[in-house]
N, C-alpha and C. Protein backbone atom coordinates (compact mmCIF):
# COMPACT_ATOMS: atom_id res chain seq x y z
N MET A 1 -118.07 185.44 8.80
CA MET A 1 -116.70 185.14 9.21
C MET A 1 -116.50 183.63 9.13
N THR A 2 -115.48 183.20 8.42
CA THR A 2 -115.17 181.78 8.33
C THR A 2 -114.28 181.36 9.49
N ALA A 3 -114.03 180.06 9.61
CA ALA A 3 -113.26 179.53 10.73
C ALA A 3 -111.84 180.09 10.79
N ILE A 4 -111.30 180.51 9.62
CA ILE A 4 -109.93 181.01 9.66
C ILE A 4 -109.86 182.53 9.62
N ASP A 5 -111.02 183.20 9.53
CA ASP A 5 -111.00 184.66 9.59
C ASP A 5 -110.61 185.12 10.98
N CYS A 6 -109.92 186.22 11.03
CA CYS A 6 -109.50 186.77 12.31
C CYS A 6 -110.68 187.42 13.00
N HIS A 7 -110.66 187.40 14.30
CA HIS A 7 -111.70 188.05 15.08
C HIS A 7 -111.50 189.57 15.13
N LEU A 8 -110.39 190.05 14.61
CA LEU A 8 -110.11 191.49 14.55
C LEU A 8 -109.75 191.86 13.11
N PRO A 9 -110.73 191.91 12.19
CA PRO A 9 -110.43 192.18 10.78
C PRO A 9 -109.62 193.46 10.60
N GLY A 10 -108.58 193.37 9.79
CA GLY A 10 -107.73 194.50 9.50
C GLY A 10 -106.71 194.83 10.57
N LYS A 11 -106.80 194.20 11.72
CA LYS A 11 -105.89 194.49 12.83
C LYS A 11 -105.09 193.26 13.24
N CYS A 12 -105.07 192.28 12.37
CA CYS A 12 -104.46 191.00 12.73
C CYS A 12 -103.24 190.74 11.86
N ASP A 13 -102.26 190.10 12.45
CA ASP A 13 -101.13 189.63 11.67
C ASP A 13 -101.05 188.12 11.87
N THR A 14 -99.95 187.51 11.50
CA THR A 14 -99.83 186.05 11.58
C THR A 14 -99.83 185.55 13.01
N LEU A 15 -99.74 186.44 13.99
CA LEU A 15 -99.73 186.01 15.39
C LEU A 15 -101.12 186.00 16.02
N CYS A 16 -102.15 186.22 15.23
CA CYS A 16 -103.51 186.22 15.76
C CYS A 16 -103.77 184.88 16.45
N PRO A 17 -104.15 184.89 17.72
CA PRO A 17 -104.30 183.63 18.45
C PRO A 17 -105.37 182.71 17.87
N VAL A 18 -106.48 183.26 17.39
CA VAL A 18 -107.54 182.40 16.85
C VAL A 18 -107.07 181.73 15.57
N LYS A 19 -106.50 182.52 14.67
CA LYS A 19 -106.01 181.97 13.40
C LYS A 19 -104.87 180.98 13.64
N HIS A 20 -103.96 181.35 14.55
CA HIS A 20 -102.84 180.47 14.88
C HIS A 20 -103.32 179.15 15.44
N PHE A 21 -104.27 179.18 16.37
CA PHE A 21 -104.80 177.95 16.95
C PHE A 21 -105.41 177.08 15.86
N TYR A 22 -106.21 177.68 15.00
CA TYR A 22 -106.86 176.92 13.93
C TYR A 22 -105.82 176.28 13.01
N GLN A 23 -104.84 177.06 12.58
CA GLN A 23 -103.86 176.57 11.63
C GLN A 23 -102.95 175.51 12.23
N THR A 24 -102.62 175.63 13.51
CA THR A 24 -101.67 174.68 14.09
C THR A 24 -102.32 173.49 14.77
N HIS A 25 -103.58 173.61 15.15
CA HIS A 25 -104.20 172.51 15.88
C HIS A 25 -105.42 171.92 15.19
N VAL A 26 -106.36 172.72 14.78
CA VAL A 26 -107.60 172.21 14.22
C VAL A 26 -107.36 171.51 12.89
N ARG A 27 -106.51 172.08 12.05
CA ARG A 27 -106.25 171.49 10.73
C ARG A 27 -105.17 170.42 10.77
N ASN A 28 -104.58 170.18 11.90
CA ASN A 28 -103.46 169.26 12.02
C ASN A 28 -103.95 167.85 12.32
N ARG A 29 -103.68 166.90 11.44
CA ARG A 29 -104.13 165.51 11.63
C ARG A 29 -103.52 164.86 12.86
N GLU A 30 -102.29 165.22 13.17
CA GLU A 30 -101.64 164.67 14.36
C GLU A 30 -102.40 165.09 15.62
N THR A 31 -102.85 166.33 15.64
CA THR A 31 -103.65 166.81 16.77
C THR A 31 -104.96 166.05 16.86
N HIS A 32 -105.57 165.74 15.74
CA HIS A 32 -106.81 164.95 15.74
C HIS A 32 -106.55 163.59 16.41
N MET A 33 -105.44 162.98 16.09
CA MET A 33 -105.10 161.70 16.71
C MET A 33 -104.87 161.87 18.20
N HIS A 34 -104.24 162.97 18.61
CA HIS A 34 -104.02 163.23 20.04
C HIS A 34 -105.35 163.31 20.77
N PHE A 35 -106.31 164.05 20.19
CA PHE A 35 -107.63 164.14 20.80
C PHE A 35 -108.27 162.76 20.91
N PHE A 36 -108.13 161.97 19.87
CA PHE A 36 -108.72 160.63 19.87
C PHE A 36 -108.11 159.74 20.95
N VAL A 37 -106.78 159.70 21.05
CA VAL A 37 -106.15 158.81 22.03
C VAL A 37 -106.41 159.29 23.46
N VAL A 38 -106.47 160.61 23.67
CA VAL A 38 -106.79 161.13 25.00
C VAL A 38 -108.22 160.77 25.37
N GLY A 39 -109.14 160.95 24.43
CA GLY A 39 -110.54 160.60 24.69
C GLY A 39 -110.74 159.12 24.95
N LEU A 40 -110.07 158.29 24.17
CA LEU A 40 -110.16 156.84 24.36
C LEU A 40 -109.59 156.45 25.72
N GLY A 41 -108.44 156.98 26.05
CA GLY A 41 -107.84 156.70 27.35
C GLY A 41 -108.71 157.21 28.49
N GLY A 42 -109.30 158.40 28.30
CA GLY A 42 -110.19 158.96 29.31
C GLY A 42 -111.39 158.06 29.57
N ALA A 43 -111.91 157.47 28.51
CA ALA A 43 -113.05 156.54 28.67
C ALA A 43 -112.63 155.34 29.51
N PHE A 44 -111.47 154.77 29.22
CA PHE A 44 -110.98 153.63 30.01
C PHE A 44 -110.77 154.02 31.47
N GLY A 45 -110.17 155.19 31.68
CA GLY A 45 -109.92 155.66 33.04
C GLY A 45 -111.21 155.90 33.81
N ALA A 46 -112.20 156.50 33.17
CA ALA A 46 -113.47 156.78 33.82
C ALA A 46 -114.19 155.48 34.19
N VAL A 47 -114.16 154.51 33.29
CA VAL A 47 -114.79 153.22 33.58
C VAL A 47 -114.07 152.52 34.73
N ALA A 48 -112.75 152.60 34.76
CA ALA A 48 -111.99 151.99 35.86
C ALA A 48 -112.33 152.66 37.18
N ARG A 49 -112.44 153.99 37.17
CA ARG A 49 -112.80 154.70 38.40
C ARG A 49 -114.19 154.30 38.87
N TYR A 50 -115.13 154.25 37.95
CA TYR A 50 -116.49 153.86 38.29
C TYR A 50 -116.51 152.43 38.85
N SER A 51 -115.72 151.56 38.26
CA SER A 51 -115.65 150.17 38.73
C SER A 51 -115.19 150.10 40.18
N ILE A 52 -114.21 150.91 40.53
CA ILE A 52 -113.74 150.93 41.92
C ILE A 52 -114.85 151.43 42.85
N SER A 53 -115.64 152.39 42.38
CA SER A 53 -116.71 152.92 43.23
C SER A 53 -117.79 151.88 43.52
N LEU A 54 -117.83 150.81 42.75
CA LEU A 54 -118.83 149.75 42.95
C LEU A 54 -118.40 148.74 44.02
N ILE A 55 -117.17 148.83 44.50
CA ILE A 55 -116.71 147.93 45.56
C ILE A 55 -117.52 148.23 46.81
N PRO A 56 -118.13 147.22 47.40
CA PRO A 56 -118.97 147.48 48.58
C PRO A 56 -118.13 147.85 49.81
N TYR A 57 -118.17 149.12 50.16
CA TYR A 57 -117.46 149.63 51.33
C TYR A 57 -118.41 150.59 52.04
N LYS A 58 -118.59 150.40 53.31
CA LYS A 58 -119.58 151.18 54.05
C LYS A 58 -118.98 152.11 55.11
N GLY A 59 -117.67 152.26 55.18
CA GLY A 59 -117.07 153.09 56.22
C GLY A 59 -117.28 154.57 55.98
N ASP A 60 -117.01 155.36 57.01
CA ASP A 60 -117.13 156.82 56.91
C ASP A 60 -115.94 157.44 56.19
N PHE A 61 -114.77 156.82 56.30
CA PHE A 61 -113.57 157.33 55.65
C PHE A 61 -113.66 157.06 54.15
N PRO A 62 -113.34 158.04 53.29
CA PRO A 62 -113.43 157.85 51.84
C PRO A 62 -112.29 156.98 51.30
N LEU A 63 -112.27 155.73 51.74
CA LEU A 63 -111.20 154.79 51.41
C LEU A 63 -111.09 154.54 49.90
N LEU A 64 -112.20 154.37 49.23
CA LEU A 64 -112.14 154.06 47.79
C LEU A 64 -111.56 155.24 46.99
N THR A 65 -111.85 156.46 47.40
CA THR A 65 -111.26 157.62 46.74
C THR A 65 -109.76 157.67 47.00
N LEU A 66 -109.36 157.38 48.23
CA LEU A 66 -107.94 157.35 48.56
C LEU A 66 -107.23 156.28 47.75
N VAL A 67 -107.83 155.10 47.65
CA VAL A 67 -107.24 154.01 46.86
C VAL A 67 -107.14 154.42 45.39
N THR A 68 -108.19 155.03 44.88
CA THR A 68 -108.18 155.50 43.48
C THR A 68 -107.04 156.49 43.26
N ASN A 69 -106.90 157.45 44.17
CA ASN A 69 -105.84 158.45 44.03
C ASN A 69 -104.45 157.82 44.15
N LEU A 70 -104.29 156.86 45.03
CA LEU A 70 -102.99 156.18 45.17
C LEU A 70 -102.66 155.38 43.91
N ILE A 71 -103.64 154.66 43.40
CA ILE A 71 -103.41 153.89 42.16
C ILE A 71 -103.06 154.85 41.02
N GLY A 72 -103.81 155.94 40.91
CA GLY A 72 -103.54 156.92 39.85
C GLY A 72 -102.15 157.52 39.96
N ALA A 73 -101.74 157.86 41.17
CA ALA A 73 -100.40 158.42 41.36
C ALA A 73 -99.32 157.40 41.01
N LEU A 74 -99.53 156.15 41.42
CA LEU A 74 -98.58 155.09 41.11
C LEU A 74 -98.47 154.88 39.60
N VAL A 75 -99.62 154.84 38.93
CA VAL A 75 -99.63 154.61 37.48
C VAL A 75 -98.98 155.76 36.73
N ILE A 76 -99.34 157.02 37.09
CA ILE A 76 -98.77 158.14 36.34
C ILE A 76 -97.27 158.26 36.61
N GLY A 77 -96.83 157.91 37.81
CA GLY A 77 -95.39 157.89 38.10
C GLY A 77 -94.67 156.83 37.29
N PHE A 78 -95.27 155.65 37.22
CA PHE A 78 -94.69 154.54 36.45
C PHE A 78 -94.62 154.90 34.97
N VAL A 79 -95.73 155.43 34.43
CA VAL A 79 -95.77 155.79 33.01
C VAL A 79 -94.73 156.87 32.71
N THR A 80 -94.61 157.85 33.58
CA THR A 80 -93.63 158.91 33.38
C THR A 80 -92.22 158.35 33.37
N GLY A 81 -91.93 157.49 34.33
CA GLY A 81 -90.60 156.90 34.41
C GLY A 81 -90.27 155.99 33.25
N ILE A 82 -91.19 155.11 32.91
CA ILE A 82 -90.92 154.13 31.85
C ILE A 82 -90.92 154.79 30.47
N ALA A 83 -91.77 155.82 30.29
CA ALA A 83 -91.83 156.50 28.99
C ALA A 83 -90.50 157.18 28.67
N THR A 84 -89.83 157.68 29.70
CA THR A 84 -88.54 158.32 29.50
C THR A 84 -87.47 157.29 29.16
N LYS A 85 -87.51 156.16 29.84
CA LYS A 85 -86.50 155.12 29.62
C LYS A 85 -86.71 154.39 28.29
N ARG A 86 -87.95 154.18 27.91
CA ARG A 86 -88.25 153.38 26.72
C ARG A 86 -88.57 154.20 25.49
N GLU A 87 -88.60 155.52 25.63
CA GLU A 87 -88.92 156.41 24.52
C GLU A 87 -90.24 156.04 23.85
N TRP A 88 -91.30 155.99 24.64
CA TRP A 88 -92.63 155.70 24.11
C TRP A 88 -93.09 156.82 23.19
N SER A 89 -94.00 156.48 22.29
CA SER A 89 -94.54 157.48 21.37
C SER A 89 -95.37 158.51 22.13
N GLU A 90 -95.51 159.67 21.54
CA GLU A 90 -96.31 160.73 22.15
C GLU A 90 -97.76 160.28 22.33
N ASN A 91 -98.29 159.53 21.36
CA ASN A 91 -99.67 159.05 21.47
C ASN A 91 -99.84 158.07 22.62
N THR A 92 -98.86 157.22 22.85
CA THR A 92 -98.93 156.27 23.96
C THR A 92 -98.92 157.00 25.29
N VAL A 93 -98.05 157.97 25.42
CA VAL A 93 -97.96 158.74 26.66
C VAL A 93 -99.24 159.55 26.87
N LEU A 94 -99.76 160.17 25.83
CA LEU A 94 -101.01 160.92 25.95
C LEU A 94 -102.17 159.98 26.34
N PHE A 95 -102.22 158.81 25.72
CA PHE A 95 -103.27 157.84 26.04
C PHE A 95 -103.22 157.46 27.52
N LEU A 96 -102.04 157.14 28.02
CA LEU A 96 -101.91 156.66 29.39
C LEU A 96 -101.95 157.78 30.43
N LYS A 97 -101.16 158.83 30.24
CA LYS A 97 -101.08 159.89 31.26
C LYS A 97 -102.30 160.80 31.24
N THR A 98 -102.53 161.44 30.11
CA THR A 98 -103.62 162.40 30.03
C THR A 98 -104.98 161.71 29.95
N GLY A 99 -105.05 160.64 29.16
CA GLY A 99 -106.31 159.93 28.99
C GLY A 99 -106.68 159.05 30.17
N VAL A 100 -105.99 157.92 30.31
CA VAL A 100 -106.35 156.95 31.35
C VAL A 100 -106.24 157.55 32.74
N CYS A 101 -105.08 158.10 33.06
CA CYS A 101 -104.90 158.67 34.41
C CYS A 101 -105.80 159.87 34.63
N GLY A 102 -105.98 160.71 33.61
CA GLY A 102 -106.86 161.86 33.74
C GLY A 102 -108.31 161.47 33.93
N GLY A 103 -108.74 160.42 33.24
CA GLY A 103 -110.11 159.93 33.42
C GLY A 103 -110.28 159.19 34.73
N PHE A 104 -109.21 158.62 35.20
CA PHE A 104 -109.25 157.84 36.45
C PHE A 104 -109.23 158.76 37.66
N THR A 105 -108.29 159.70 37.67
CA THR A 105 -108.18 160.66 38.77
C THR A 105 -107.30 161.81 38.36
N THR A 106 -107.76 163.04 38.59
CA THR A 106 -106.89 164.19 38.33
C THR A 106 -105.90 164.37 39.46
N PHE A 107 -106.11 163.68 40.56
CA PHE A 107 -105.17 163.79 41.68
C PHE A 107 -103.80 163.26 41.28
N SER A 108 -103.77 162.30 40.37
CA SER A 108 -102.48 161.78 39.91
C SER A 108 -101.69 162.86 39.18
N THR A 109 -102.37 163.68 38.41
CA THR A 109 -101.71 164.79 37.72
C THR A 109 -101.22 165.82 38.73
N PHE A 110 -102.06 166.15 39.69
CA PHE A 110 -101.68 167.08 40.76
C PHE A 110 -100.42 166.56 41.47
N SER A 111 -100.40 165.28 41.78
CA SER A 111 -99.25 164.68 42.47
C SER A 111 -98.00 164.74 41.62
N LEU A 112 -98.13 164.42 40.32
CA LEU A 112 -96.98 164.46 39.42
C LEU A 112 -96.44 165.88 39.28
N GLU A 113 -97.34 166.86 39.15
CA GLU A 113 -96.90 168.24 39.01
C GLU A 113 -96.19 168.72 40.28
N SER A 114 -96.70 168.32 41.44
CA SER A 114 -96.06 168.68 42.71
C SER A 114 -94.67 168.04 42.79
N TYR A 115 -94.59 166.77 42.45
CA TYR A 115 -93.33 166.04 42.45
C TYR A 115 -92.32 166.71 41.51
N THR A 116 -92.79 167.08 40.32
CA THR A 116 -91.91 167.72 39.34
C THR A 116 -91.36 169.04 39.86
N LEU A 117 -92.18 169.81 40.55
CA LEU A 117 -91.70 171.07 41.13
C LEU A 117 -90.62 170.81 42.18
N PHE A 118 -90.81 169.77 43.00
CA PHE A 118 -89.78 169.42 43.98
C PHE A 118 -88.52 168.93 43.27
N GLN A 119 -88.67 168.09 42.26
CA GLN A 119 -87.53 167.53 41.54
C GLN A 119 -86.72 168.60 40.81
N THR A 120 -87.39 169.67 40.39
CA THR A 120 -86.69 170.74 39.69
C THR A 120 -86.25 171.85 40.65
N HIS A 121 -86.15 171.47 41.91
CA HIS A 121 -85.61 172.34 42.96
C HIS A 121 -86.41 173.64 43.14
N ARG A 122 -87.72 173.50 43.12
CA ARG A 122 -88.60 174.64 43.36
C ARG A 122 -89.59 174.29 44.47
N PRO A 123 -89.07 173.99 45.68
CA PRO A 123 -89.94 173.54 46.77
C PRO A 123 -90.96 174.59 47.21
N ALA A 124 -90.60 175.87 47.20
CA ALA A 124 -91.56 176.90 47.61
C ALA A 124 -92.74 176.94 46.65
N LEU A 125 -92.44 176.82 45.37
CA LEU A 125 -93.51 176.80 44.36
C LEU A 125 -94.37 175.54 44.51
N ALA A 126 -93.73 174.42 44.82
CA ALA A 126 -94.46 173.16 45.02
C ALA A 126 -95.43 173.28 46.20
N ILE A 127 -94.93 173.80 47.30
CA ILE A 127 -95.77 173.94 48.49
C ILE A 127 -96.90 174.93 48.24
N MET A 128 -96.58 176.04 47.57
CA MET A 128 -97.62 177.02 47.25
C MET A 128 -98.69 176.39 46.35
N TYR A 129 -98.25 175.63 45.35
CA TYR A 129 -99.18 174.96 44.43
C TYR A 129 -100.08 173.97 45.18
N MET A 130 -99.48 173.19 46.07
CA MET A 130 -100.27 172.21 46.81
C MET A 130 -101.28 172.88 47.73
N LEU A 131 -100.84 173.89 48.45
CA LEU A 131 -101.74 174.59 49.37
C LEU A 131 -102.87 175.30 48.61
N LEU A 132 -102.50 176.03 47.56
CA LEU A 132 -103.51 176.73 46.78
C LEU A 132 -104.50 175.76 46.13
N SER A 133 -104.01 174.63 45.65
CA SER A 133 -104.90 173.64 45.02
C SER A 133 -105.94 173.14 46.00
N VAL A 134 -105.49 172.76 47.19
CA VAL A 134 -106.42 172.22 48.19
C VAL A 134 -107.38 173.31 48.67
N ILE A 135 -106.84 174.46 49.04
CA ILE A 135 -107.67 175.54 49.60
C ILE A 135 -108.65 176.07 48.56
N LEU A 136 -108.16 176.38 47.36
CA LEU A 136 -109.04 176.96 46.34
C LEU A 136 -110.07 175.96 45.83
N CYS A 137 -109.67 174.69 45.71
CA CYS A 137 -110.64 173.69 45.25
C CYS A 137 -111.72 173.45 46.30
N LEU A 138 -111.36 173.43 47.57
CA LEU A 138 -112.37 173.34 48.62
C LEU A 138 -113.28 174.56 48.60
N ALA A 139 -112.69 175.75 48.42
CA ALA A 139 -113.49 176.96 48.32
C ALA A 139 -114.44 176.87 47.12
N GLY A 140 -113.95 176.32 46.02
CA GLY A 140 -114.79 176.13 44.85
C GLY A 140 -115.99 175.24 45.13
N ILE A 141 -115.77 174.19 45.90
CA ILE A 141 -116.87 173.30 46.28
C ILE A 141 -117.90 174.07 47.10
N PHE A 142 -117.43 174.79 48.13
CA PHE A 142 -118.34 175.55 48.97
C PHE A 142 -119.14 176.57 48.15
N ILE A 143 -118.45 177.30 47.27
CA ILE A 143 -119.11 178.32 46.45
C ILE A 143 -120.10 177.66 45.49
N GLY A 144 -119.68 176.55 44.87
CA GLY A 144 -120.58 175.83 43.95
C GLY A 144 -121.85 175.35 44.64
N VAL A 145 -121.70 174.80 45.84
CA VAL A 145 -122.86 174.34 46.60
C VAL A 145 -123.73 175.52 47.01
N PHE A 146 -123.09 176.62 47.40
CA PHE A 146 -123.82 177.81 47.83
C PHE A 146 -124.68 178.39 46.72
N ILE A 147 -124.10 178.50 45.49
CA ILE A 147 -124.84 179.12 44.40
C ILE A 147 -125.82 178.17 43.72
N ALA A 148 -125.75 176.89 44.04
CA ALA A 148 -126.64 175.91 43.39
C ALA A 148 -128.08 176.05 43.79
């Protein structure tokens, strides 16, 4: 089976998800650039996050994580706002939002998605998303530690 062969020979049409994904994303040069800019931005974000973790702080409260999350939320909010006003390129937005902010903190994305749900007048969905995110992610930590 080659990369573009269907996983269901003889039972596939043009809507086959594997073939469709390959034809629209893997062979697409623009998508290759998207992966590159996201990866590059992610590297910058991860290094920035690690740099913050090197600040000498000895308290019990996770202050550096809180600061990281606040900075990430501020940056992703700023990038979202300015990208709309200035019509930034898709690669620039992907580099900054998905790459840098994603590598720096995923909490910024969580915050932006929650904000967007409130802004689009879906407060019940926003609250459900926030509660489920916190509860399920904490449960994931407990389960991960338990099975380790």
